Each structure stands twice: as structure tokens, then as C-alpha cells.
Amino acid sequence: MKSPADLQLRLRRQWNNADLRTSRLLGEGVELPIELSIGLPTPTDLLSRLEQVKQHVEQWRKVRIGEVVWTDRSYRSASESIRVPRCWRIHEPSQWSAACNDVEITNEFNRLTELFATCDPVFHEVIARRRSLTCNRAVEEVAQACRVAMNIQPGDADGRPLRLLSEFGTDTKFFERNRSLLLTLLDQRFDGEASRLGLESFLDAATEGEHWLLVHELERGLLPFPQLRVRGSDLFSRSLPGRHLLIIENENCHHLLPEVRGAVAVLGSGFNVGWTSAPWLVDRPVAYWGDIDTWGLRILSDVRRALPHVQSLLMDRGTFEHNIDKAVAEPTPASLTPPEFLNSPETLLYLRLLESQRGRLEQEFIDARTVQQAILDWATQAATEHFAEHRQFD
């Protein structure tokens, strides 16, 4: 004889089977209704375990989910037939999730139901099957990824980096945040072609290996031209002129930069910061300025991994609180734990952003005068420290 708890465990195991979960949720095959055998009491049970049989029957009388099918059973030891539970029928997915008696499964079913209502049916199978792709993302973020995957066409990037595909209503980090999800969705739509070619090649986007950075002089005459395009791989092997280097996450901030003697800025690095481990940067004053969100702080941590002396600019609690009216929601955080190489104030800021309903302040929305003053103050301090170090060794 199987108790309700015994069969709930079996239903939970079935839920965790990707094939069963997908076919039952999508109504494919003949998977519904689910019929689970309860098992009938034997004559021996009735003689030697009568109280247990009574408890068993009472437990099944209390079940209100699905349909408990009863049967009348005759036993020699009983003067009349006894009504006992024979099987448990689950008729629809909502009953299945409820019958599992598991909060996580109930929440997952509600989430999947919401996704099925908002996402194109072509993606329902992969959403049901590949739960790890969506379980840690907000429903709206997954729905947005489905809309992008449904509307984007091969070659749409036309040579641009993925972060600049704003025509799909996404922010600059959307493709970086959802790369694996988008690849899977595009594979579903284009029969695996996106993974075969790679996302950048499929969309004709600039690849990570060919990431061209914008180098901008902050003192006239430091570069052959006021602005140059340089690959990250070239920055690793060849040094830039000047005494100070400013690294900026987003390229469209160049109009905010002041003139700074002996300084050069590298803009548009995004996650492409591997070049910061270049030997020529070890002794050079370096500052990093990025978005105030968990992703921007993660990039800062990556830079500091290579350059422990890097100083962050305008990535502090005061700047965030002063500009809170310009902040927006961050759909998916980089991680629920702060990155390893943040200092204490940056770590506290990271935790503050995780708690905030508007945990993202894009750097281009900070007032130009504030930006310019912060850069000038950093350059002055760096020059003073550099001068003091040289006097010490004279």
C-alpha cells in the first residue's frame, strides 16, 4: 500500500525528469492523465495490520487534489465489502504540480505558466526542458530574450558589437547577461545554426577576439589623431603614450571627458578587459569608471585582479544615492555574492544594489561637471603621488 507521501515523492521525481516534464506540460503524447497505483490491502494486512489499513484509508480520504479512485473489496475476515483506494489520477499539469506538495515545484510551475503565456510557442519546449537557463532570471528578462530571438535575423548586427543592438529594446549588457539563453532560443528557431556558427558570426557582430576599443587622448598631441581604434590584443603588446590611463566601460561617454595633461582614455571595453594584465600597466596610474550596477562592479573586480592598484571613479555609494532618481531596475544581477576583488566600500555598494529595486545607474547619466571634476581630481592626486615617489628616490 502506498501512502499519499509515497506517491508525492514519485511525482516529484517525475517532475524532475526533463522528458516527462516537457511532454506533460505541453500536452504531447499520452502522458496525461497520470495514473498512480496505490495498492490494495491484502487479507493478511486486514488481519494483522487493521489499524494501519484504517489510517491508510483515512489518509486517502483527505486527498483533495486530482481524483482518488476507490473500489469495493471483499475479504473473508470482513462481513461486508470494504471500500479502499485503488489509484490516484492526476488530470492536468496544475494538479500535478500541486500534488507534488513541494513549494519549489509549485513556484516553478507558476513561473513556467507565466512564461508560456508571454513567450512564443516555438520556445515553450526549450523553456520547459532547459530549466537551468531560466530559473535564475526574471520572467520579464526571459520574455525579452524570447522576443529578441523571435525578431532578430541572421546578420542583423551588421558588424556592430552585440551591446549596440539597441533596436530590440535591450540595454547595453543584455546580450552579455543572456548569451547562453539567447543561443539556445536561436538554436530552437534556426535548427542549431547559432551554436554551429557562434553567436557573433551568426549575427555578423564584432567578436570578442576582434573587439576594437576607442582610444581617446585627454591631452592634445599625445596620439597621432584625437581618437583611434585599437584591438584589445594590441593594447596588451604595445603601450599607450602618456602617464595616466583611464578605462571607461561604455564608449558613448567620450563627450564627458575633460582635458587632462598626460592622460589617455580607453573606452568601450565592456567585459573585454583581459588586456589590462599587460606588463606596461604595472607601474602606470590607472582608473576605472563604469556603470554603477552589479555588472559594472564585476568588471571593476576583473580589472583589479590584473591591476591591484586600479582606482575606481564615480562607482561609490554617494554617487549612486545622489543620482538615485536616474537609476533603473537591474533585471538580472551578475551574482548574488560580491566579486572577490572589490574593496570594502565597493562590496557594501554591491550589496546595496542587490537590495535596491532600482539597482542600476548607467554612467552616461551622471552630470558632466561631476564626471570632469572626478577625473581631474584623480589625475592631480596621481601626479602628486608620482612626483613624491620620484623625489623619494632622488
Protein backbone atom coordinates (compact mmCIF):
# COMPACT_ATOMS: atom_id res chain seq x y z
CA MET A 1 0.00 0.00 0.00
CA LYS A 2 1.30 3.42 -0.99
CA SER A 3 0.57 6.48 1.14
CA PRO A 4 -0.03 9.96 -0.35
CA ALA A 5 3.50 10.88 0.74
CA ASP A 6 4.94 7.89 -1.16
CA LEU A 7 3.24 8.92 -4.40
CA GLN A 8 4.06 12.60 -3.88
CA LEU A 9 7.72 11.60 -3.86
CA ARG A 10 7.22 9.69 -7.13
CA LEU A 11 5.50 12.72 -8.69
CA ARG A 12 8.37 14.98 -7.63
CA ARG A 13 10.86 12.62 -9.26
CA GLN A 14 8.79 12.63 -12.43
CA TRP A 15 8.71 16.45 -12.41
CA ASN A 16 12.50 16.46 -12.37
CA ASN A 17 12.59 14.22 -15.44
CA ALA A 18 13.01 16.65 -18.35
CA ASP A 19 11.25 14.42 -20.90
CA LEU A 20 8.20 13.82 -18.71
CA ARG A 21 8.01 17.43 -17.57
CA THR A 22 8.13 18.73 -21.13
CA SER A 23 5.62 16.30 -22.62
CA ARG A 24 3.11 16.71 -19.80
CA LEU A 25 3.32 20.50 -19.65
CA LEU A 26 2.98 20.84 -23.41
CA GLY A 27 0.27 18.19 -23.73
CA GLU A 28 2.33 15.97 -26.02
CA GLY A 29 1.86 12.21 -26.29
CA VAL A 30 -0.43 10.36 -23.90
CA GLU A 31 1.24 11.40 -20.64
CA LEU A 32 -1.97 12.75 -19.08
CA PRO A 33 -3.86 11.78 -17.07
CA ILE A 34 -1.23 10.35 -14.74
CA GLU A 35 -2.48 7.20 -13.01
CA LEU A 36 -0.56 6.03 -9.97
CA SER A 37 -1.38 2.68 -8.40
CA ILE A 38 -1.95 2.91 -4.66
CA GLY A 39 -2.04 -0.83 -3.99
CA LEU A 40 -4.82 -2.77 -2.27
CA PRO A 41 -4.63 -4.16 1.26
CA THR A 42 -4.02 -7.91 1.35
CA PRO A 43 -6.06 -10.31 3.51
CA THR A 44 -3.02 -10.56 5.77
CA ASP A 45 -2.96 -6.76 6.12
CA LEU A 46 -6.58 -6.80 7.24
CA LEU A 47 -5.91 -9.46 9.87
CA SER A 48 -2.57 -8.32 11.29
CA ARG A 49 -2.45 -4.58 10.48
CA LEU A 50 -6.05 -3.44 10.72
CA GLU A 51 -5.21 -0.09 12.35
CA GLN A 52 -2.65 0.69 9.65
CA VAL A 53 -5.22 -0.13 6.97
CA LYS A 54 -7.73 2.22 8.61
CA GLN A 55 -5.11 5.00 8.75
CA HIS A 56 -4.22 4.33 5.13
CA VAL A 57 -7.85 4.68 4.02
CA GLU A 58 -8.29 7.83 6.10
CA GLN A 59 -5.18 9.45 4.60
CA TRP A 60 -6.52 8.95 1.09
CA ARG A 61 -9.96 10.28 2.03
CA LYS A 62 -8.28 13.59 2.90
CA VAL A 63 -6.66 13.98 -0.53
CA ARG A 64 -8.37 16.79 -2.45
CA ILE A 65 -6.04 17.07 -5.45
CA GLY A 66 -6.82 15.11 -8.58
CA GLU A 67 -9.06 12.05 -8.34
CA VAL A 68 -8.70 9.17 -5.91
CA VAL A 69 -10.33 6.11 -7.50
CA TRP A 70 -11.98 3.79 -4.97
CA THR A 71 -13.05 0.17 -5.24
CA ASP A 72 -15.11 -2.20 -3.10
CA ARG A 73 -13.03 -5.17 -1.96
CA SER A 74 -14.33 -8.32 -0.29
CA TYR A 75 -12.32 -10.10 2.41
CA ARG A 76 -13.09 -13.38 4.22
CA SER A 77 -12.37 -11.76 7.56
CA ALA A 78 -14.91 -8.98 6.91
CA SER A 79 -18.67 -9.41 6.92
CA GLU A 80 -19.10 -6.93 4.09
CA SER A 81 -17.01 -5.42 1.32
CA ILE A 82 -14.60 -2.64 2.24
CA ARG A 83 -14.13 0.50 0.16
CA VAL A 84 -10.39 1.08 -0.40
CA PRO A 85 -8.35 3.45 -2.62
CA ARG A 86 -7.10 1.81 -5.82
CA CYS A 87 -5.28 4.56 -7.75
CA TRP A 88 -4.63 8.30 -7.88
CA ARG A 89 -5.39 10.12 -11.13
CA ILE A 90 -3.85 13.48 -11.97
CA HIS A 91 -5.72 15.06 -14.87
CA GLU A 92 -3.78 18.26 -15.66
CA PRO A 93 -0.39 19.93 -15.08
CA SER A 94 -1.69 22.26 -12.35
CA GLN A 95 -2.86 19.22 -10.37
CA TRP A 96 0.50 17.55 -10.93
CA SER A 97 2.46 20.49 -9.52
CA ALA A 98 0.07 20.80 -6.57
CA ALA A 99 0.16 17.04 -5.88
CA CYS A 100 3.95 17.15 -5.58
CA ASN A 101 3.45 19.09 -2.34
CA ASP A 102 6.71 20.97 -2.94
CA VAL A 103 7.00 24.76 -2.76
CA GLU A 104 9.82 24.94 -5.30
CA ILE A 105 7.88 22.88 -7.83
CA THR A 106 4.75 24.98 -7.29
CA ASN A 107 6.75 28.17 -7.83
CA GLU A 108 8.41 26.71 -10.91
CA PHE A 109 5.06 25.68 -12.38
CA ASN A 110 3.63 29.16 -11.80
CA ARG A 111 6.71 30.67 -13.40
CA LEU A 112 6.51 28.36 -16.42
CA THR A 113 2.81 29.11 -16.82
CA GLU A 114 3.61 32.82 -16.91
CA LEU A 115 6.40 32.27 -19.43
CA PHE A 116 4.19 30.15 -21.68
CA ALA A 117 1.64 32.98 -21.67
CA THR A 118 4.20 35.60 -22.74
CA CYS A 119 6.67 33.72 -24.96
CA ASP A 120 6.16 32.47 -28.50
CA PRO A 121 5.09 28.78 -28.57
CA VAL A 122 8.19 27.90 -30.62
CA PHE A 123 10.20 28.35 -27.40
CA HIS A 124 7.91 26.53 -24.98
CA GLU A 125 9.70 23.20 -25.32
CA VAL A 126 13.15 24.57 -24.57
CA ILE A 127 11.81 26.65 -21.67
CA ALA A 128 10.21 23.56 -20.12
CA ARG A 129 13.17 21.28 -20.79
CA ARG A 130 16.17 23.53 -20.03
CA ARG A 131 15.07 24.84 -16.64
CA SER A 132 18.61 25.95 -15.67
CA LEU A 133 18.58 28.57 -18.42
CA THR A 134 15.65 30.45 -16.95
CA CYS A 135 15.39 29.61 -13.24
CA ASN A 136 17.71 32.41 -12.08
CA ARG A 137 16.37 35.06 -14.46
CA ALA A 138 13.39 37.35 -14.01
CA VAL A 139 10.32 36.34 -16.03
CA GLU A 140 10.41 39.62 -17.94
CA GLU A 141 14.11 39.10 -18.79
CA VAL A 142 13.32 35.65 -20.25
CA ALA A 143 10.31 37.06 -22.10
CA GLN A 144 12.50 39.82 -23.53
CA ALA A 145 15.07 37.24 -24.66
CA CYS A 146 12.29 35.32 -26.42
CA ARG A 147 11.12 38.49 -28.17
CA VAL A 148 14.65 39.27 -29.31
CA ALA A 149 15.23 35.69 -30.50
CA MET A 150 11.92 35.76 -32.39
CA ASN A 151 12.57 39.08 -34.14
CA ILE A 152 16.31 39.09 -34.79
CA GLN A 153 17.60 37.76 -38.10
CA PRO A 154 20.99 36.32 -39.11
CA GLY A 155 23.39 39.16 -39.91
CA ASP A 156 21.33 41.85 -38.16
CA ALA A 157 24.34 43.18 -36.21
CA ASP A 158 25.99 44.24 -39.49
CA GLY A 159 29.46 44.35 -37.92
CA ARG A 160 28.43 46.11 -34.71
CA PRO A 161 29.16 44.76 -31.21
CA LEU A 162 26.18 42.99 -29.67
CA ARG A 163 25.90 45.65 -26.96
CA LEU A 164 24.93 48.23 -29.59
CA LEU A 165 21.87 46.37 -30.91
CA SER A 166 19.52 48.79 -29.18
CA GLU A 167 16.80 48.45 -31.85
CA PHE A 168 15.49 45.42 -29.97
CA GLY A 169 14.71 47.46 -26.86
CA THR A 170 17.56 45.99 -24.83
CA ASP A 171 20.15 47.63 -22.61
CA THR A 172 23.86 47.50 -23.36
CA LYS A 173 24.51 44.41 -21.22
CA PHE A 174 21.53 42.35 -22.37
CA PHE A 175 23.42 40.08 -24.79
CA GLU A 176 26.25 39.57 -22.29
CA ARG A 177 23.83 38.66 -19.49
CA ASN A 178 21.74 36.29 -21.58
CA ARG A 179 24.23 34.84 -24.04
CA SER A 180 23.58 31.15 -23.28
CA LEU A 181 19.81 31.66 -23.18
CA LEU A 182 19.78 33.55 -26.48
CA LEU A 183 21.94 30.92 -28.15
CA THR A 184 19.55 28.18 -27.05
CA LEU A 185 16.49 30.12 -28.21
CA LEU A 186 18.07 30.93 -31.57
CA ASP A 187 19.05 27.28 -31.97
CA GLN A 188 15.42 26.34 -31.40
CA ARG A 189 14.31 28.76 -34.10
CA PHE A 190 17.13 28.18 -36.59
CA ASP A 191 17.78 24.46 -36.06
CA GLY A 192 21.09 24.75 -34.18
CA GLU A 193 22.69 27.16 -36.63
CA ALA A 194 23.52 29.82 -34.00
CA SER A 195 25.63 27.41 -31.93
CA ARG A 196 27.24 25.93 -35.03
CA LEU A 197 28.47 29.33 -36.23
CA GLY A 198 28.80 31.07 -32.87
CA LEU A 199 26.57 33.94 -31.80
CA GLU A 200 28.75 36.72 -33.22
CA SER A 201 29.23 35.03 -36.58
CA PHE A 202 25.54 34.14 -36.81
CA LEU A 203 24.53 37.78 -36.23
CA ASP A 204 27.57 39.26 -38.04
CA ALA A 205 28.67 41.02 -34.84
CA ALA A 206 32.18 42.05 -33.85
CA THR A 207 33.66 39.10 -31.96
CA GLU A 208 35.46 39.24 -28.62
CA GLY A 209 38.77 38.46 -30.29
CA GLU A 210 38.29 41.40 -32.67
CA HIS A 211 36.97 43.80 -30.04
CA TRP A 212 38.01 47.25 -31.16
CA LEU A 213 38.42 49.77 -28.36
CA LEU A 214 38.24 53.54 -28.66
CA VAL A 215 41.45 55.26 -27.53
CA HIS A 216 40.86 58.93 -26.78
CA GLU A 217 43.59 61.44 -25.94
CA LEU A 218 42.90 63.73 -22.99
CA GLU A 219 45.93 65.90 -23.85
CA ARG A 220 46.20 67.13 -27.38
CA GLY A 221 49.10 65.72 -29.34
CA LEU A 222 49.57 62.52 -27.33
CA LEU A 223 48.16 60.46 -30.21
CA PRO A 224 48.55 60.82 -33.98
CA PHE A 225 44.79 61.51 -34.02
CA PRO A 226 42.41 62.64 -31.27
CA GLN A 227 40.78 59.20 -31.36
CA LEU A 228 41.99 55.81 -32.56
CA ARG A 229 40.51 52.33 -32.85
CA VAL A 230 42.75 49.67 -31.31
CA ARG A 231 42.21 45.96 -30.69
CA GLY A 232 42.45 44.70 -27.14
CA SER A 233 45.14 42.23 -28.18
CA ASP A 234 47.27 45.10 -29.49
CA LEU A 235 46.92 47.02 -26.24
CA PHE A 236 48.38 44.05 -24.44
CA SER A 237 51.55 44.06 -26.52
CA ARG A 238 52.02 47.80 -27.12
CA SER A 239 51.91 50.60 -24.58
CA LEU A 240 49.99 53.84 -24.98
CA PRO A 241 51.66 57.23 -24.56
CA GLY A 242 51.10 59.42 -21.52
CA ARG A 243 51.50 58.99 -17.78
CA HIS A 244 47.93 58.12 -16.74
CA LEU A 245 45.33 55.75 -18.15
CA LEU A 246 41.57 55.98 -17.69
CA ILE A 247 39.50 52.88 -18.57
CA ILE A 248 35.81 53.54 -19.28
CA GLU A 249 33.19 50.82 -19.65
CA ASN A 250 30.98 52.49 -22.26
CA GLU A 251 32.17 54.20 -25.41
CA ASN A 252 29.44 56.81 -25.57
CA CYS A 253 30.89 58.73 -22.61
CA HIS A 254 33.76 60.35 -24.53
CA HIS A 255 31.92 63.69 -24.72
CA LEU A 256 32.01 63.92 -20.90
CA LEU A 257 35.80 63.78 -20.63
CA PRO A 258 37.90 66.84 -19.71
CA GLU A 259 41.39 67.71 -20.92
CA VAL A 260 43.96 66.09 -18.65
CA ARG A 261 47.67 66.54 -19.09
CA GLY A 262 49.50 63.29 -19.80
CA ALA A 263 46.35 61.15 -19.84
CA VAL A 264 44.75 58.77 -22.33
CA ALA A 265 41.35 57.08 -22.04
CA VAL A 266 40.31 53.66 -23.37
CA LEU A 267 36.56 53.46 -23.89
CA GLY A 268 34.09 50.70 -24.71
CA SER A 269 35.97 47.86 -23.05
CA GLY A 270 32.89 46.24 -21.52
CA PHE A 271 33.93 42.76 -20.41
CA ASN A 272 36.95 42.78 -22.72
CA VAL A 273 39.50 43.71 -20.04
CA GLY A 274 41.99 40.87 -20.47
CA TRP A 275 44.46 43.35 -21.95
CA THR A 276 44.75 45.09 -18.54
CA SER A 277 47.23 42.40 -17.49
CA ALA A 278 49.75 43.96 -19.91
CA PRO A 279 53.18 44.46 -18.28
CA TRP A 280 53.36 48.14 -19.27
CA LEU A 281 50.41 48.93 -16.98
CA VAL A 282 52.01 47.64 -13.79
CA ASP A 283 53.60 50.96 -12.83
CA ARG A 284 51.14 53.32 -14.50
CA PRO A 285 48.36 55.09 -12.57
CA VAL A 286 45.09 53.58 -13.79
CA ALA A 287 41.49 54.48 -13.01
CA TYR A 288 38.32 52.62 -13.96
CA TRP A 289 34.89 54.17 -14.45
CA GLY A 290 31.87 52.03 -15.26
CA ASP A 291 28.14 51.74 -14.65
CA ILE A 292 27.02 51.53 -11.05
CA ASP A 293 25.39 48.12 -11.18
CA THR A 294 26.48 44.62 -10.25
CA TRP A 295 27.86 44.01 -13.73
CA GLY A 296 29.94 47.20 -13.70
CA LEU A 297 31.36 46.27 -10.31
CA ARG A 298 32.13 42.78 -11.58
CA ILE A 299 34.15 44.27 -14.43
CA LEU A 300 35.93 46.52 -11.93
CA SER A 301 36.83 43.41 -9.93
CA ASP A 302 38.20 41.76 -13.09
CA VAL A 303 40.37 44.80 -13.78
CA ARG A 304 41.62 44.88 -10.19
CA ARG A 305 42.50 41.20 -10.44
CA ALA A 306 45.05 42.22 -13.09
CA LEU A 307 45.86 45.66 -11.65
CA PRO A 308 45.56 45.73 -7.85
CA HIS A 309 46.36 49.46 -7.81
CA VAL A 310 43.45 50.48 -10.08
CA GLN A 311 41.27 53.22 -8.60
CA SER A 312 37.54 53.30 -9.25
CA LEU A 313 35.92 56.60 -10.19
CA LEU A 314 32.28 57.55 -9.56
CA MET A 315 31.44 53.99 -8.52
CA ASP A 316 30.60 54.74 -4.90
CA ARG A 317 27.57 54.87 -2.63
CA GLY A 318 27.49 58.68 -2.61
CA THR A 319 27.33 58.93 -6.40
CA PHE A 320 24.61 56.30 -6.55
CA GLU A 321 22.43 57.90 -3.87
CA HIS A 322 22.88 61.39 -5.35
CA ASN A 323 21.65 60.12 -8.73
CA ILE A 324 19.06 57.61 -7.49
CA ASP A 325 16.34 59.38 -9.50
CA LYS A 326 18.18 58.35 -12.68
CA ALA A 327 18.63 54.73 -11.65
CA VAL A 328 16.61 51.90 -13.18
CA ALA A 329 15.95 48.27 -12.31
CA GLU A 330 18.71 45.76 -13.00
CA PRO A 331 16.83 42.72 -14.39
CA THR A 332 19.46 40.12 -13.53
CA PRO A 333 22.40 40.70 -11.16
CA ALA A 334 25.86 39.45 -12.07
CA SER A 335 25.90 37.31 -8.92
CA LEU A 336 24.22 37.20 -5.53
CA THR A 337 27.63 37.45 -3.87
CA PRO A 338 30.10 40.35 -4.36
CA PRO A 339 33.10 39.70 -6.64
CA GLU A 340 36.38 38.85 -4.97
CA PHE A 341 38.48 41.92 -5.79
CA LEU A 342 36.21 44.75 -4.65
CA ASN A 343 37.31 46.80 -1.66
CA SER A 344 35.08 47.21 1.40
CA PRO A 345 33.08 50.28 0.26
CA GLU A 346 32.58 48.73 -3.18
CA THR A 347 31.41 45.48 -1.62
CA LEU A 348 28.88 47.36 0.51
CA LEU A 349 27.69 49.20 -2.59
CA TYR A 350 27.28 45.87 -4.39
CA LEU A 351 25.09 44.57 -1.57
CA ARG A 352 23.09 47.82 -1.61
CA LEU A 353 22.43 47.37 -5.34
CA LEU A 354 21.21 43.81 -4.80
CA GLU A 355 18.63 45.09 -2.31
CA SER A 356 17.50 48.05 -4.42
CA GLN A 357 14.51 47.94 -6.75
CA ARG A 358 16.46 50.37 -8.94
CA GLY A 359 19.97 48.97 -8.76
CA ARG A 360 21.44 50.26 -11.99
CA LEU A 361 22.85 53.73 -12.75
CA GLU A 362 24.35 53.97 -16.23
CA GLN A 363 27.43 56.15 -16.25
CA GLU A 364 26.35 58.42 -19.10
CA PHE A 365 23.55 59.83 -16.94
CA ILE A 366 25.93 61.36 -14.39
CA ASP A 367 26.30 65.13 -14.64
CA ALA A 368 29.21 66.17 -16.91
CA ARG A 369 30.70 68.57 -14.36
CA THR A 370 30.73 65.83 -11.73
CA VAL A 371 32.48 63.48 -14.15
CA GLN A 372 35.07 66.04 -15.19
CA GLN A 373 35.87 67.06 -11.62
CA ALA A 374 36.30 63.44 -10.50
CA ILE A 375 38.71 62.74 -13.37
CA LEU A 376 40.69 65.93 -12.74
CA ASP A 377 40.94 65.18 -9.01
CA TRP A 378 42.18 61.65 -9.74
CA ALA A 379 44.78 62.89 -12.24
CA THR A 380 46.02 65.55 -9.81
CA GLN A 381 46.33 63.04 -6.98
CA ALA A 382 48.07 60.51 -9.24
CA ALA A 383 50.54 63.15 -10.46
CA THR A 384 51.26 64.24 -6.89
CA GLU A 385 51.89 60.68 -5.74
CA HIS A 386 54.06 60.02 -8.78
CA PHE A 387 56.13 63.15 -8.06
CA ALA A 388 56.50 62.21 -4.38
CA GLU A 389 57.71 58.71 -5.27
CA HIS A 390 60.35 60.08 -7.62
CA ARG A 391 61.58 62.63 -5.05
CA GLN A 392 61.91 59.82 -2.54
CA PHE A 393 64.41 58.02 -4.78
CA ASP A 394 66.34 61.13 -5.89
